[in-house]
Amino acid sequence: MSSPSIPTLRLEHFAHGRAFYALLLELRSVQKTAPTFHTHDFYEVMLIRSGLGTHYVNGEKLPMRAGELLLVRPDDCHSVYGVPHGAAINVAFSAESWRRQSKILNLETHFALWESAPLPPTVMLEGEALARCSHAFESALAAGITQQRAAMGLGLMRLWESVIHNLIPGTVPETNADYPDWLARSLWLMEREENLHGGVPRLVELAAVCPEHLARVMRRDLGQTPTQWVNALRVQRAAGWLLGTQDGIETIAARCGLANLPHFYRLFTTRYGVPPRRYRLQERQKLSPDSSVRNI
């Protein structure tokens, strides 16, 4: 919570009713000035494009460098400074839309961990991961300049997909007393795309137990077979890709490990009540209700 001496920035002052607010941020030098702290009523994600910087947040002084991805929560009391010529892309969006996304993707557990952490979730990116994330940020920045609702809605969903995809592997799960540590860690690692694509055989490898024991423990503690659990996760991830990418449905099905398209359609429709194409259209229209959605 912010104190009377610490201002709270409000999204309505920047976004003016649009889906998000994006800007290319020049990091200021702190050689002769003290940090100017603030909180806000929105979430923001930041990708450091160049230079070095310092993130003063929640009483800590954290170094920043090019390639760092940060998720800043509304109650984080922070200020960002850097060397001359340092730059970052910052995208701010409403707390309501971010929390709604967690429900759409059934990722409330991950979001709760990010929310309760003492410091903002942060991950260093490099190589292909950095290139893809940079493209998502730059696309959001370009869409923000156009101020076209459809482009902004699609840009925000692509950005969310990239941010979530990169933050999940770096999040450390807490021990869950309801089932064994080895199972908790295995299920967490299955969130990674390369593991998810491998399906149940990959889950068995990560668990390092025999298939029969894995199935017995999952039925006992989760009420699901390994196949049921993996398919549910695949469909959840497919829902995110339908919203956050322009990929065709066949490509998305194959990406999550469900190359049998009729089987993918059955699983998806059972989970969401509508087939994938209809789901993509409906959810995108919720974000941009007054715009037609093309390229679905």
C-alpha atoms as a PDB file:
ATOM      1  CA  MET A   1       0.000   0.000   0.000  1.00  0.00           C
ATOM      2  CA  SER A   2       1.221   3.496  -0.743  1.00  0.00           C
ATOM      3  CA  SER A   3       1.666   6.072   2.001  1.00  0.00           C
ATOM      4  CA  PRO A   4       0.431   9.688   1.709  1.00  0.00           C
ATOM      5  CA  SER A   5       3.939  10.766   0.684  1.00  0.00           C
ATOM      6  CA  ILE A   6       4.236   8.209  -2.138  1.00  0.00           C
ATOM      7  CA  PRO A   7       2.064   8.907  -5.198  1.00  0.00           C
ATOM      8  CA  THR A   8      -0.093   6.232  -6.807  1.00  0.00           C
ATOM      9  CA  LEU A   9      -0.091   6.401 -10.605  1.00  0.00           C
ATOM     10  CA  ARG A  10      -3.427   5.611 -12.246  1.00  0.00           C
ATOM     11  CA  LEU A  11      -3.821   3.844 -15.570  1.00  0.00           C
ATOM     12  CA  GLU A  12      -6.711   6.058 -16.658  1.00  0.00           C
ATOM     13  CA  HIS A  13      -4.345   9.031 -16.740  1.00  0.00           C
ATOM     14  CA  PHE A  14      -2.195   7.314 -19.389  1.00  0.00           C
ATOM     15  CA  ALA A  15      -4.347   4.782 -21.278  1.00  0.00           C
ATOM     16  CA  HIS A  16      -7.530   6.891 -21.608  1.00  0.00           C
ATOM     17  CA  GLY A  17      -9.773   3.836 -21.903  1.00  0.00           C
ATOM     18  CA  ARG A  18      -7.476   1.831 -24.185  1.00  0.00           C
ATOM     19  CA  ALA A  19      -6.308  -1.726 -23.488  1.00  0.00           C
ATOM     20  CA  PHE A  20      -2.828  -0.669 -22.368  1.00  0.00           C
ATOM     21  CA  TYR A  21      -0.267   2.105 -22.337  1.00  0.00           C
ATOM     22  CA  ALA A  22       3.201   1.513 -23.831  1.00  0.00           C
ATOM     23  CA  LEU A  23       6.255   3.713 -24.051  1.00  0.00           C
ATOM     24  CA  LEU A  24       9.950   3.590 -24.811  1.00  0.00           C
ATOM     25  CA  LEU A  25      11.507   4.599 -21.509  1.00  0.00           C
ATOM     26  CA  GLU A  26      14.849   6.335 -21.297  1.00  0.00           C
ATOM     27  CA  LEU A  27      16.553   5.348 -18.058  1.00  0.00           C
ATOM     28  CA  ARG A  28      17.705   8.395 -16.146  1.00  0.00           C
ATOM     29  CA  SER A  29      21.004   8.804 -14.312  1.00  0.00           C
ATOM     30  CA  VAL A  30      20.831   8.902 -10.505  1.00  0.00           C
ATOM     31  CA  GLN A  31      24.218  10.485  -9.926  1.00  0.00           C
ATOM     32  CA  LYS A  32      22.873  13.641  -8.267  1.00  0.00           C
ATOM     33  CA  THR A  33      19.240  12.864  -7.491  1.00  0.00           C
ATOM     34  CA  ALA A  34      17.452  10.564  -5.072  1.00  0.00           C
ATOM     35  CA  PRO A  35      14.996   7.921  -6.309  1.00  0.00           C
ATOM     36  CA  THR A  36      11.430   9.144  -6.808  1.00  0.00           C
ATOM     37  CA  PHE A  37       9.160   6.336  -5.660  1.00  0.00           C
ATOM     38  CA  HIS A  38       5.612   5.525  -6.695  1.00  0.00           C
ATOM     39  CA  THR A  39       3.032   2.734  -6.717  1.00  0.00           C
ATOM     40  CA  HIS A  40       0.180   2.310  -9.211  1.00  0.00           C
ATOM     41  CA  ASP A  41      -3.272   0.808  -9.677  1.00  0.00           C
ATOM     42  CA  PHE A  42      -2.125  -1.319 -12.623  1.00  0.00           C
ATOM     43  CA  TYR A  43       0.422  -3.958 -13.589  1.00  0.00           C
ATOM     44  CA  GLU A  44       3.347  -3.214 -15.837  1.00  0.00           C
ATOM     45  CA  VAL A  45       5.931  -5.319 -17.633  1.00  0.00           C
ATOM     46  CA  MET A  46       9.321  -3.963 -18.567  1.00  0.00           C
ATOM     47  CA  LEU A  47      12.021  -5.259 -20.889  1.00  0.00           C
ATOM     48  CA  ILE A  48      15.450  -3.639 -20.580  1.00  0.00           C
ATOM     49  CA  ARG A  49      16.651  -3.054 -24.137  1.00  0.00           C
ATOM     50  CA  SER A  50      20.058  -1.510 -23.524  1.00  0.00           C
ATOM     51  CA  GLY A  51      22.398  -0.206 -20.857  1.00  0.00           C
ATOM     52  CA  LEU A  52      22.557  -0.879 -17.143  1.00  0.00           C
ATOM     53  CA  GLY A  53      20.239   0.311 -14.447  1.00  0.00           C
ATOM     54  CA  THR A  54      19.118   0.084 -10.854  1.00  0.00           C
ATOM     55  CA  HIS A  55      15.667  -0.902  -9.656  1.00  0.00           C
ATOM     56  CA  TYR A  56      14.830   0.529  -6.245  1.00  0.00           C
ATOM     57  CA  VAL A  57      11.868  -1.570  -5.151  1.00  0.00           C
ATOM     58  CA  ASN A  58      10.270  -2.472  -1.823  1.00  0.00           C
ATOM     59  CA  GLY A  59      13.311  -1.338   0.131  1.00  0.00           C
ATOM     60  CA  GLU A  60      15.828  -3.185  -2.055  1.00  0.00           C
ATOM     61  CA  LYS A  61      18.366  -1.929  -4.591  1.00  0.00           C
ATOM     62  CA  LEU A  62      18.564  -4.362  -7.513  1.00  0.00           C
ATOM     63  CA  PRO A  63      20.851  -4.169 -10.560  1.00  0.00           C
ATOM     64  CA  MET A  64      19.300  -4.320 -14.020  1.00  0.00           C
ATOM     65  CA  ARG A  65      20.880  -5.033 -17.385  1.00  0.00           C
ATOM     66  CA  ALA A  66      19.883  -5.518 -20.998  1.00  0.00           C
ATOM     67  CA  GLY A  67      17.721  -8.596 -21.542  1.00  0.00           C
ATOM     68  CA  GLU A  68      15.964  -8.463 -18.168  1.00  0.00           C
ATOM     69  CA  LEU A  69      12.189  -8.960 -18.078  1.00  0.00           C
ATOM     70  CA  LEU A  70      10.256  -7.664 -15.048  1.00  0.00           C
ATOM     71  CA  LEU A  71       6.654  -7.895 -13.888  1.00  0.00           C
ATOM     72  CA  VAL A  72       5.825  -4.991 -11.572  1.00  0.00           C
ATOM     73  CA  ARG A  73       2.744  -5.373  -9.363  1.00  0.00           C
ATOM     74  CA  PRO A  74       0.410  -2.508  -8.322  1.00  0.00           C
ATOM     75  CA  ASP A  75       1.666  -2.343  -4.720  1.00  0.00           C
ATOM     76  CA  ASP A  76       5.368  -2.462  -5.589  1.00  0.00           C
ATOM     77  CA  CYS A  77       6.908   0.790  -4.364  1.00  0.00           C
ATOM     78  CA  HIS A  78       9.657   1.426  -6.886  1.00  0.00           C
ATOM     79  CA  SER A  79      11.793   3.703  -8.997  1.00  0.00           C
ATOM     80  CA  VAL A  80      14.050   2.897 -11.958  1.00  0.00           C
ATOM     81  CA  TYR A  81      17.327   4.578 -12.883  1.00  0.00           C
ATOM     82  CA  GLY A  82      20.100   3.778 -15.319  1.00  0.00           C
ATOM     83  CA  VAL A  83      23.184   4.912 -17.115  1.00  0.00           C
ATOM     84  CA  PRO A  84      22.902   7.532 -19.878  1.00  0.00           C
ATOM     85  CA  HIS A  85      21.547   6.044 -23.119  1.00  0.00           C
ATOM     86  CA  GLY A  86      19.942   3.101 -21.320  1.00  0.00           C
ATOM     87  CA  ALA A  87      16.436   2.223 -22.559  1.00  0.00           C
ATOM     88  CA  ALA A  88      13.507  -0.045 -21.759  1.00  0.00           C
ATOM     89  CA  ILE A  89      10.048  -0.754 -23.167  1.00  0.00           C
ATOM     90  CA  ASN A  90       7.329  -0.441 -20.547  1.00  0.00           C
ATOM     91  CA  VAL A  91       3.757  -1.676 -21.012  1.00  0.00           C
ATOM     92  CA  ALA A  92       1.050  -0.964 -18.416  1.00  0.00           C
ATOM     93  CA  PHE A  93      -2.364  -2.672 -18.293  1.00  0.00           C
ATOM     94  CA  SER A  94      -5.229  -2.976 -15.839  1.00  0.00           C
ATOM     95  CA  ALA A  95      -5.126  -5.288 -12.849  1.00  0.00           C
ATOM     96  CA  GLU A  96      -8.560  -6.593 -13.800  1.00  0.00           C
ATOM     97  CA  SER A  97      -7.459  -7.693 -17.279  1.00  0.00           C
ATOM     98  CA  TRP A  98      -4.319  -9.400 -15.946  1.00  0.00           C
ATOM     99  CA  ARG A  99      -6.257 -11.342 -13.299  1.00  0.00           C
ATOM    100  CA  ARG A 100      -8.897 -12.295 -15.835  1.00  0.00           C
ATOM    101  CA  GLN A 101      -6.139 -13.732 -18.006  1.00  0.00           C
ATOM    102  CA  SER A 102      -5.024 -15.964 -15.127  1.00  0.00           C
ATOM    103  CA  LYS A 103      -8.515 -17.458 -14.952  1.00  0.00           C
ATOM    104  CA  ILE A 104      -8.764 -17.941 -18.706  1.00  0.00           C
ATOM    105  CA  LEU A 105      -5.498 -19.906 -18.683  1.00  0.00           C
ATOM    106  CA  ASN A 106      -6.134 -21.660 -15.344  1.00  0.00           C
ATOM    107  CA  LEU A 107      -2.821 -20.301 -14.069  1.00  0.00           C
ATOM    108  CA  GLU A 108      -4.071 -18.853 -10.786  1.00  0.00           C
ATOM    109  CA  THR A 109      -1.386 -20.754  -8.842  1.00  0.00           C
ATOM    110  CA  HIS A 110       1.425 -19.139 -10.835  1.00  0.00           C
ATOM    111  CA  PHE A 111      -0.161 -15.720 -10.655  1.00  0.00           C
ATOM    112  CA  ALA A 112      -0.630 -16.065  -6.885  1.00  0.00           C
ATOM    113  CA  LEU A 113       3.056 -16.885  -6.450  1.00  0.00           C
ATOM    114  CA  TRP A 114       4.072 -13.872  -8.521  1.00  0.00           C
ATOM    115  CA  GLU A 115       1.681 -11.718  -6.517  1.00  0.00           C
ATOM    116  CA  SER A 116       2.906 -12.841  -3.085  1.00  0.00           C
ATOM    117  CA  ALA A 117       6.652 -12.698  -3.813  1.00  0.00           C
ATOM    118  CA  PRO A 118       8.495  -9.976  -1.840  1.00  0.00           C
ATOM    119  CA  LEU A 119      10.089  -8.629  -5.038  1.00  0.00           C
ATOM    120  CA  PRO A 120       8.808  -8.336  -8.605  1.00  0.00           C
ATOM    121  CA  PRO A 121       9.199 -11.528 -10.677  1.00  0.00           C
ATOM    122  CA  THR A 122      12.250 -11.145 -12.913  1.00  0.00           C
ATOM    123  CA  VAL A 123      14.000 -13.293 -15.512  1.00  0.00           C
ATOM    124  CA  MET A 124      17.059 -12.760 -17.711  1.00  0.00           C
ATOM    125  CA  LEU A 125      16.518 -13.568 -21.385  1.00  0.00           C
ATOM    126  CA  GLU A 126      19.008 -14.223 -24.139  1.00  0.00           C
ATOM    127  CA  GLY A 127      19.206 -15.689 -27.621  1.00  0.00           C
ATOM    128  CA  GLU A 128      15.962 -16.759 -29.264  1.00  0.00           C
ATOM    129  CA  ALA A 129      13.907 -16.207 -26.094  1.00  0.00           C
ATOM    130  CA  LEU A 130      15.058 -12.588 -25.922  1.00  0.00           C
ATOM    131  CA  ALA A 131      14.428 -12.049 -29.631  1.00  0.00           C
ATOM    132  CA  ARG A 132      10.856 -13.359 -29.397  1.00  0.00           C
ATOM    133  CA  CYS A 133      10.066 -11.382 -26.265  1.00  0.00           C
ATOM    134  CA  SER A 134      11.569  -8.221 -27.769  1.00  0.00           C
ATOM    135  CA  HIS A 135       9.359  -8.670 -30.831  1.00  0.00           C
ATOM    136  CA  ALA A 136       6.266  -8.949 -28.614  1.00  0.00           C
ATOM    137  CA  PHE A 137       7.200  -5.758 -26.740  1.00  0.00           C
ATOM    138  CA  GLU A 138       7.984  -3.866 -29.946  1.00  0.00           C
ATOM    139  CA  SER A 139       4.688  -4.999 -31.490  1.00  0.00           C
ATOM    140  CA  ALA A 140       2.810  -3.754 -28.426  1.00  0.00           C
ATOM    141  CA  LEU A 141       4.664  -0.440 -28.634  1.00  0.00           C
ATOM    142  CA  ALA A 142       3.765  -0.084 -32.320  1.00  0.00           C
ATOM    143  CA  ALA A 143       0.115  -0.989 -31.659  1.00  0.00           C
ATOM    144  CA  GLY A 144       0.003   1.594 -28.888  1.00  0.00           C
ATOM    145  CA  ILE A 145       1.164   4.253 -31.318  1.00  0.00           C
ATOM    146  CA  THR A 146      -1.628   3.420 -33.782  1.00  0.00           C
ATOM    147  CA  GLN A 147      -4.219   3.425 -30.956  1.00  0.00           C
ATOM    148  CA  GLN A 148      -6.393   1.057 -33.007  1.00  0.00           C
ATOM    149  CA  ARG A 149      -8.411  -1.094 -30.616  1.00  0.00           C
ATOM    150  CA  ALA A 150      -8.136  -4.352 -32.557  1.00  0.00           C
ATOM    151  CA  ALA A 151      -4.376  -3.992 -32.996  1.00  0.00           C
ATOM    152  CA  MET A 152      -3.927  -3.045 -29.336  1.00  0.00           C
ATOM    153  CA  GLY A 153      -6.018  -5.972 -28.114  1.00  0.00           C
ATOM    154  CA  LEU A 154      -4.078  -8.460 -30.201  1.00  0.00           C
ATOM    155  CA  GLY A 155      -0.772  -6.835 -29.241  1.00  0.00           C
ATOM    156  CA  LEU A 156      -1.575  -7.121 -25.545  1.00  0.00           C
ATOM    157  CA  MET A 157      -2.534 -10.778 -25.817  1.00  0.00           C
ATOM    158  CA  ARG A 158       0.690 -11.575 -27.695  1.00  0.00           C
ATOM    159  CA  LEU A 159       2.661  -9.736 -25.034  1.00  0.00           C
ATOM    160  CA  TRP A 160       0.961 -11.629 -22.210  1.00  0.00           C
ATOM    161  CA  GLU A 161       1.688 -14.951 -23.883  1.00  0.00           C
ATOM    162  CA  SER A 162       5.370 -14.082 -24.164  1.00  0.00           C
ATOM    163  CA  VAL A 163       5.679 -12.742 -20.612  1.00  0.00           C
ATOM    164  CA  ILE A 164       3.892 -15.701 -19.033  1.00  0.00           C
ATOM    165  CA  HIS A 165       5.866 -18.202 -21.115  1.00  0.00           C
ATOM    166  CA  ASN A 166       9.153 -16.691 -19.927  1.00  0.00           C
ATOM    167  CA  LEU A 167       8.249 -16.155 -16.280  1.00  0.00           C
ATOM    168  CA  ILE A 168       6.828 -19.605 -15.541  1.00  0.00           C
ATOM    169  CA  PRO A 169      10.113 -21.606 -15.804  1.00  0.00           C
ATOM    170  CA  GLY A 170      11.832 -19.200 -13.408  1.00  0.00           C
ATOM    171  CA  THR A 171       9.166 -19.468 -10.725  1.00  0.00           C
ATOM    172  CA  VAL A 172      10.064 -21.816  -7.884  1.00  0.00           C
ATOM    173  CA  PRO A 173       7.078 -23.811  -6.604  1.00  0.00           C
ATOM    174  CA  GLU A 174       6.437 -24.131  -2.891  1.00  0.00           C
ATOM    175  CA  THR A 175       6.036 -27.563  -1.337  1.00  0.00           C
ATOM    176  CA  ASN A 176       2.434 -28.708  -1.453  1.00  0.00           C
ATOM    177  CA  ALA A 177       1.526 -30.917   1.480  1.00  0.00           C
ATOM    178  CA  ASP A 178      -1.286 -32.530  -0.517  1.00  0.00           C
ATOM    179  CA  TYR A 179       1.085 -34.566  -2.675  1.00  0.00           C
ATOM    180  CA  PRO A 180       4.771 -35.554  -2.779  1.00  0.00           C
ATOM    181  CA  ASP A 181       7.537 -33.065  -3.568  1.00  0.00           C
ATOM    182  CA  TRP A 182       8.705 -35.116  -6.548  1.00  0.00           C
ATOM    183  CA  LEU A 183       5.237 -34.906  -8.083  1.00  0.00           C
ATOM    184  CA  ALA A 184       4.894 -31.170  -7.410  1.00  0.00           C
ATOM    185  CA  ARG A 185       8.209 -30.478  -9.119  1.00  0.00           C
ATOM    186  CA  SER A 186       7.408 -32.749 -12.069  1.00  0.00           C
ATOM    187  CA  LEU A 187       4.054 -31.094 -12.686  1.00  0.00           C
ATOM    188  CA  TRP A 188       5.683 -27.679 -12.461  1.00  0.00           C
ATOM    189  CA  LEU A 189       8.334 -28.590 -15.007  1.00  0.00           C
ATOM    190  CA  MET A 190       5.637 -29.817 -17.382  1.00  0.00           C
ATOM    191  CA  GLU A 191       4.605 -26.161 -17.784  1.00  0.00           C
ATOM    192  CA  ARG A 192       7.582 -25.724 -20.116  1.00  0.00           C
ATOM    193  CA  GLU A 193       6.594 -26.064 -23.741  1.00  0.00           C
ATOM    194  CA  GLU A 194       9.240 -28.631 -24.622  1.00  0.00           C
ATOM    195  CA  ASN A 195       8.113 -30.857 -21.746  1.00  0.00           C
ATOM    196  CA  LEU A 196       4.425 -30.386 -22.453  1.00  0.00           C
ATOM    197  CA  HIS A 197       4.949 -31.460 -26.052  1.00  0.00           C
ATOM    198  CA  GLY A 198       6.491 -34.705 -24.787  1.00  0.00           C
ATOM    199  CA  GLY A 199       3.289 -35.636 -22.973  1.00  0.00           C
ATOM    200  CA  VAL A 200       2.951 -38.437 -20.467  1.00  0.00           C
ATOM    201  CA  PRO A 201       6.267 -40.129 -21.398  1.00  0.00           C
ATOM    202  CA  ARG A 202       8.068 -36.893 -20.546  1.00  0.00           C
ATOM    203  CA  LEU A 203       6.137 -36.579 -17.270  1.00  0.00           C
ATOM    204  CA  VAL A 204       7.275 -40.102 -16.342  1.00  0.00           C
ATOM    205  CA  GLU A 205      10.880 -39.121 -17.070  1.00  0.00           C
ATOM    206  CA  LEU A 206      10.640 -35.985 -14.936  1.00  0.00           C
ATOM    207  CA  ALA A 207       9.015 -37.869 -12.056  1.00  0.00           C
ATOM    208  CA  ALA A 208      11.689 -40.600 -12.196  1.00  0.00           C
ATOM    209  CA  VAL A 209       9.207 -43.248 -11.080  1.00  0.00           C
ATOM    210  CA  CYS A 210       7.576 -46.106 -12.935  1.00  0.00           C
ATOM    211  CA  PRO A 211       4.411 -45.284 -14.936  1.00  0.00           C
ATOM    212  CA  GLU A 212       2.255 -47.408 -12.658  1.00  0.00           C
ATOM    213  CA  HIS A 213       3.380 -45.588  -9.511  1.00  0.00           C
ATOM    214  CA  LEU A 214       2.909 -42.191 -11.154  1.00  0.00           C
ATOM    215  CA  ALA A 215      -0.630 -43.095 -12.226  1.00  0.00           C
ATOM    216  CA  ARG A 216      -1.483 -44.449  -8.773  1.00  0.00           C
ATOM    217  CA  VAL A 217      -0.251 -41.333  -6.952  1.00  0.00           C
ATOM    218  CA  MET A 218      -1.927 -38.912  -9.376  1.00  0.00           C
ATOM    219  CA  ARG A 219      -5.271 -40.711  -9.129  1.00  0.00           C
ATOM    220  CA  ARG A 220      -4.995 -40.720  -5.349  1.00  0.00           C
ATOM    221  CA  ASP A 221      -3.835 -37.116  -4.855  1.00  0.00           C
ATOM    222  CA  LEU A 222      -5.202 -35.271  -7.901  1.00  0.00           C
ATOM    223  CA  GLY A 223      -8.156 -37.368  -8.939  1.00  0.00           C
ATOM    224  CA  GLN A 224      -6.798 -37.580 -12.478  1.00  0.00           C
ATOM    225  CA  THR A 225      -4.787 -39.995 -14.549  1.00  0.00           C
ATOM    226  CA  PRO A 226      -1.515 -38.708 -16.059  1.00  0.00           C
ATOM    227  CA  THR A 227      -3.183 -38.584 -19.477  1.00  0.00           C
ATOM    228  CA  GLN A 228      -6.115 -36.559 -18.172  1.00  0.00           C
ATOM    229  CA  TRP A 229      -3.819 -34.103 -16.409  1.00  0.00           C
ATOM    230  CA  VAL A 230      -1.505 -33.639 -19.405  1.00  0.00           C
ATOM    231  CA  ASN A 231      -4.388 -33.174 -21.829  1.00  0.00           C
ATOM    232  CA  ALA A 232      -5.984 -30.572 -19.548  1.00  0.00           C
ATOM    233  CA  LEU A 233      -2.715 -28.636 -19.423  1.00  0.00           C
ATOM    234  CA  ARG A 234      -2.320 -28.884 -23.197  1.00  0.00           C
ATOM    235  CA  VAL A 235      -5.781 -27.467 -23.791  1.00  0.00           C
ATOM    236  CA  GLN A 236      -5.158 -24.631 -21.318  1.00  0.00           C
ATOM    237  CA  ARG A 237      -1.933 -23.727 -23.050  1.00  0.00           C
ATOM    238  CA  ALA A 238      -3.639 -23.931 -26.461  1.00  0.00           C
ATOM    239  CA  ALA A 239      -6.232 -21.416 -25.234  1.00  0.00           C
ATOM    240  CA  GLY A 240      -3.438 -18.973 -24.457  1.00  0.00           C
ATOM    241  CA  TRP A 241      -1.842 -19.445 -27.860  1.00  0.00           C
ATOM    242  CA  LEU A 242      -5.173 -18.947 -29.596  1.00  0.00           C
ATOM    243  CA  LEU A 243      -5.416 -15.529 -27.983  1.00  0.00           C
ATOM    244  CA  GLY A 244      -1.780 -14.518 -28.011  1.00  0.00           C
ATOM    245  CA  THR A 245      -0.650 -15.636 -31.463  1.00  0.00           C
ATOM    246  CA  GLN A 246      -1.835 -15.644 -35.060  1.00  0.00           C
ATOM    247  CA  ASP A 247      -0.923 -19.324 -35.453  1.00  0.00           C
ATOM    248  CA  GLY A 248      -3.449 -21.550 -37.145  1.00  0.00           C
ATOM    249  CA  ILE A 249      -5.390 -24.063 -35.078  1.00  0.00           C
ATOM    250  CA  GLU A 250      -3.553 -27.044 -36.579  1.00  0.00           C
ATOM    251  CA  THR A 251      -0.207 -25.443 -35.708  1.00  0.00           C
ATOM    252  CA  ILE A 252      -1.312 -24.775 -32.134  1.00  0.00           C
ATOM    253  CA  ALA A 253      -2.610 -28.309 -31.706  1.00  0.00           C
ATOM    254  CA  ALA A 254       0.711 -29.740 -32.870  1.00  0.00           C
ATOM    255  CA  ARG A 255       2.652 -27.270 -30.724  1.00  0.00           C
ATOM    256  CA  CYS A 256       1.008 -28.521 -27.543  1.00  0.00           C
ATOM    257  CA  GLY A 257       1.436 -32.163 -28.529  1.00  0.00           C
ATOM    258  CA  LEU A 258      -2.046 -32.921 -29.864  1.00  0.00           C
ATOM    259  CA  ALA A 259      -1.359 -33.492 -33.545  1.00  0.00           C
ATOM    260  CA  ASN A 260      -4.572 -35.493 -33.943  1.00  0.00           C
ATOM    261  CA  LEU A 261      -6.821 -32.563 -34.835  1.00  0.00           C
ATOM    262  CA  PRO A 262     -10.233 -34.206 -34.195  1.00  0.00           C
ATOM    263  CA  HIS A 263      -8.982 -35.317 -30.779  1.00  0.00           C
ATOM    264  CA  PHE A 264      -7.767 -31.778 -30.058  1.00  0.00           C
ATOM    265  CA  TYR A 265     -11.152 -30.337 -31.033  1.00  0.00           C
ATOM    266  CA  ARG A 266     -12.992 -32.771 -28.748  1.00  0.00           C
ATOM    267  CA  LEU A 267     -10.764 -31.994 -25.765  1.00  0.00           C
ATOM    268  CA  PHE A 268     -10.932 -28.252 -26.316  1.00  0.00           C
ATOM    269  CA  THR A 269     -14.689 -28.113 -26.822  1.00  0.00           C
ATOM    270  CA  THR A 270     -15.275 -30.239 -23.733  1.00  0.00           C
ATOM    271  CA  ARG A 271     -13.153 -27.873 -21.636  1.00  0.00           C
ATOM    272  CA  TYR A 272     -14.351 -24.500 -22.982  1.00  0.00           C
ATOM    273  CA  GLY A 273     -17.795 -25.282 -24.370  1.00  0.00           C
ATOM    274  CA  VAL A 274     -16.969 -23.969 -27.848  1.00  0.00           C
ATOM    275  CA  PRO A 275     -14.523 -25.088 -30.568  1.00  0.00           C
ATOM    276  CA  PRO A 276     -11.134 -23.363 -30.823  1.00  0.00           C
ATOM    277  CA  ARG A 277     -12.022 -20.944 -33.621  1.00  0.00           C
ATOM    278  CA  ARG A 278     -15.141 -19.720 -31.836  1.00  0.00           C
ATOM    279  CA  TYR A 279     -13.233 -19.401 -28.581  1.00  0.00           C
ATOM    280  CA  ARG A 280     -10.562 -17.245 -30.233  1.00  0.00           C
ATOM    281  CA  LEU A 281     -13.184 -14.940 -31.727  1.00  0.00           C
ATOM    282  CA  GLN A 282     -15.218 -14.591 -28.538  1.00  0.00           C
ATOM    283  CA  GLU A 283     -12.292 -13.900 -26.230  1.00  0.00           C
ATOM    284  CA  ARG A 284     -10.676 -11.385 -28.588  1.00  0.00           C
ATOM    285  CA  GLN A 285     -13.961  -9.536 -28.941  1.00  0.00           C
ATOM    286  CA  LYS A 286     -14.183  -9.262 -25.146  1.00  0.00           C
ATOM    287  CA  LEU A 287     -10.944  -7.285 -25.201  1.00  0.00           C
ATOM    288  CA  SER A 288     -11.900  -5.232 -28.288  1.00  0.00           C
ATOM    289  CA  PRO A 289     -15.716  -5.380 -28.303  1.00  0.00           C
ATOM    290  CA  ASP A 290     -16.237  -2.647 -30.863  1.00  0.00           C
ATOM    291  CA  SER A 291     -13.786  -4.013 -33.424  1.00  0.00           C
ATOM    292  CA  SER A 292     -14.056  -6.827 -35.911  1.00  0.00           C
ATOM    293  CA  VAL A 293     -11.418  -9.507 -35.407  1.00  0.00           C
ATOM    294  CA  ARG A 294      -9.768 -10.802 -38.539  1.00  0.00           C
ATOM    295  CA  ASN A 295      -7.107 -13.407 -39.274  1.00  0.00           C
ATOM    296  CA  ILE A 296      -8.623 -15.943 -36.893  1.00  0.00           C
END
